[in-house]
């Protein structure tokens, strides 16, 4: 991370964009993890990542099948479905969602890093 013209810039290795799933010009949410080192700054030997941190347990999805919740569609996916993000950047794919819409959805299926939902209809 570097400071540049009054803001901070996080660099991503070229391989992550060229070989990964990142697209230039898209917006992404990032988490910044800090660590302490036993050696001099800039040296990676004897690096000790947050010694008081809780053990790394797989995080459970922040949504459940059958849950109804309000989300905002941020963008469209490759298949034209709406993409919303909730806690911790967890992705919900919304059938028929359009960017900018805030909709109430019914979670249909939940996976480790993505859920699938349909826009809830008012049948009254």
Protein backbone atom coordinates (compact mmCIF):
# COMPACT_ATOMS: atom_id res chain seq x y z
CA UNK A 1 0.00 0.00 0.00
CA UNK A 2 1.34 3.43 -0.91
CA UNK A 3 0.20 7.00 -0.38
CA UNK A 4 -0.36 8.97 -3.54
CA UNK A 5 -1.77 12.49 -3.91
CA UNK A 6 -3.63 12.46 -0.60
CA UNK A 7 -5.08 8.95 -0.94
CA UNK A 8 -3.87 5.38 -0.53
CA UNK A 9 -3.30 2.92 -3.31
CA UNK A 10 -3.34 -0.86 -3.01
CA UNK A 11 -1.49 -2.69 -5.75
CA UNK A 12 -2.61 -6.05 -7.08
CA UNK A 13 -0.09 -8.28 -8.89
CA UNK A 14 -0.65 -8.42 -12.66
CA UNK A 15 -1.04 -12.22 -12.56
CA UNK A 16 -4.08 -11.91 -10.30
CA UNK A 17 -5.87 -9.87 -12.97
CA UNK A 18 -4.59 -11.71 -16.04
CA UNK A 19 -5.03 -15.24 -14.64
CA UNK A 20 -7.73 -14.59 -12.04
CA UNK A 21 -11.28 -13.29 -12.03
CA UNK A 22 -10.56 -9.56 -11.55
CA UNK A 23 -11.47 -7.08 -14.28
CA UNK A 24 -9.74 -3.75 -14.82
CA UNK A 25 -12.17 -0.85 -14.33
CA UNK A 26 -14.49 -2.80 -11.99
CA UNK A 27 -15.03 -1.85 -8.36
CA UNK A 28 -14.15 -4.33 -5.63
CA UNK A 29 -14.44 -4.34 -1.86
CA UNK A 30 -11.22 -5.31 -0.17
CA UNK A 31 -10.29 -6.31 3.33
CA UNK A 32 -6.99 -5.24 4.78
CA UNK A 33 -5.34 -7.69 7.15
CA UNK A 34 -2.55 -6.39 9.33
CA UNK A 35 0.32 -8.40 10.67
CA UNK A 36 3.31 -7.91 12.92
CA UNK A 37 6.83 -9.06 12.21
CA UNK A 38 9.59 -10.03 14.57
CA UNK A 39 12.21 -8.81 12.11
CA UNK A 40 12.87 -5.46 10.49
CA UNK A 41 10.16 -3.84 8.37
CA UNK A 42 10.27 -5.12 4.81
CA UNK A 43 11.68 -8.53 5.77
CA UNK A 44 9.32 -11.47 5.61
CA UNK A 45 11.35 -13.95 7.66
CA UNK A 46 9.89 -14.74 11.08
CA UNK A 47 6.62 -13.05 10.14
CA UNK A 48 3.97 -13.65 12.79
CA UNK A 49 0.40 -13.01 11.69
CA UNK A 50 -1.79 -11.41 14.36
CA UNK A 51 -0.79 -13.51 17.36
CA UNK A 52 -4.01 -12.92 19.31
CA UNK A 53 -6.35 -13.71 16.43
CA UNK A 54 -8.93 -16.47 16.76
CA UNK A 55 -8.18 -19.71 14.89
CA UNK A 56 -9.14 -19.63 11.22
CA UNK A 57 -12.48 -21.44 11.06
CA UNK A 58 -14.39 -21.60 7.81
CA UNK A 59 -17.01 -18.88 7.98
CA UNK A 60 -20.59 -19.90 7.49
CA UNK A 61 -22.59 -18.01 4.87
CA UNK A 62 -24.41 -14.96 6.28
CA UNK A 63 -27.73 -16.10 4.74
CA UNK A 64 -29.92 -19.19 5.05
CA UNK A 65 -32.12 -21.00 2.54
CA UNK A 66 -35.68 -19.71 2.83
CA UNK A 67 -34.55 -16.39 4.32
CA UNK A 68 -36.20 -13.24 2.97
CA UNK A 69 -34.13 -10.07 2.97
CA UNK A 70 -33.69 -6.74 1.23
CA UNK A 71 -30.63 -6.32 -1.01
CA UNK A 72 -29.35 -3.78 -3.51
CA UNK A 73 -28.31 -5.08 -6.92
CA UNK A 74 -24.83 -3.74 -7.69
CA UNK A 75 -24.09 -5.16 -11.13
CA UNK A 76 -24.99 -7.88 -13.62
CA UNK A 77 -23.32 -11.28 -13.77
CA UNK A 78 -22.10 -13.05 -16.89
CA UNK A 79 -25.52 -14.70 -17.37
CA UNK A 80 -27.43 -11.41 -16.93
CA UNK A 81 -28.52 -12.05 -13.34
CA UNK A 82 -28.31 -9.34 -10.71
CA UNK A 83 -25.40 -9.45 -8.28
CA UNK A 84 -25.85 -8.19 -4.72
CA UNK A 85 -23.32 -8.32 -1.90
CA UNK A 86 -24.09 -8.57 1.80
CA UNK A 87 -21.99 -9.12 4.92
CA UNK A 88 -18.27 -9.81 4.32
CA UNK A 89 -18.78 -9.32 0.57
CA UNK A 90 -20.85 -12.51 0.30
CA UNK A 91 -22.46 -12.67 -3.16
CA UNK A 92 -26.16 -13.23 -3.81
CA UNK A 93 -27.16 -13.88 -7.41
CA UNK A 94 -30.67 -12.56 -8.00
CA UNK A 95 -32.66 -13.86 -10.95
CA UNK A 96 -34.07 -10.85 -12.83
CA UNK A 97 -32.35 -8.21 -10.67
CA UNK A 98 -31.18 -4.98 -12.31
CA UNK A 99 -28.30 -2.73 -11.17
CA UNK A 100 -29.43 0.00 -8.76
CA UNK A 101 -32.61 -1.81 -7.69
CA UNK A 102 -33.28 -2.45 -4.02
CA UNK A 103 -35.40 -5.59 -3.85
CA UNK A 104 -36.72 -8.08 -1.34
CA UNK A 105 -35.43 -11.54 -2.23
CA UNK A 106 -36.16 -15.11 -1.18
CA UNK A 107 -32.93 -17.10 -0.76
CA UNK A 108 -33.36 -20.35 -2.73
CA UNK A 109 -29.95 -22.04 -2.41
CA UNK A 110 -26.87 -21.32 -0.29
CA UNK A 111 -23.31 -22.38 -1.09
CA UNK A 112 -20.02 -21.62 0.69
CA UNK A 113 -19.36 -18.39 -1.22
CA UNK A 114 -22.54 -17.64 -3.14
CA UNK A 115 -26.31 -17.81 -2.72
CA UNK A 116 -29.05 -17.85 -5.35
CA UNK A 117 -32.25 -15.89 -4.86
CA UNK A 118 -35.46 -14.86 -6.56
CA UNK A 119 -37.22 -11.55 -6.16
CA UNK A 120 -40.03 -12.09 -3.66
CA UNK A 121 -43.52 -11.49 -5.00
CA UNK A 122 -46.48 -10.16 -3.05
CA UNK A 123 -49.22 -12.76 -3.58
CA UNK A 124 -51.89 -10.94 -1.56
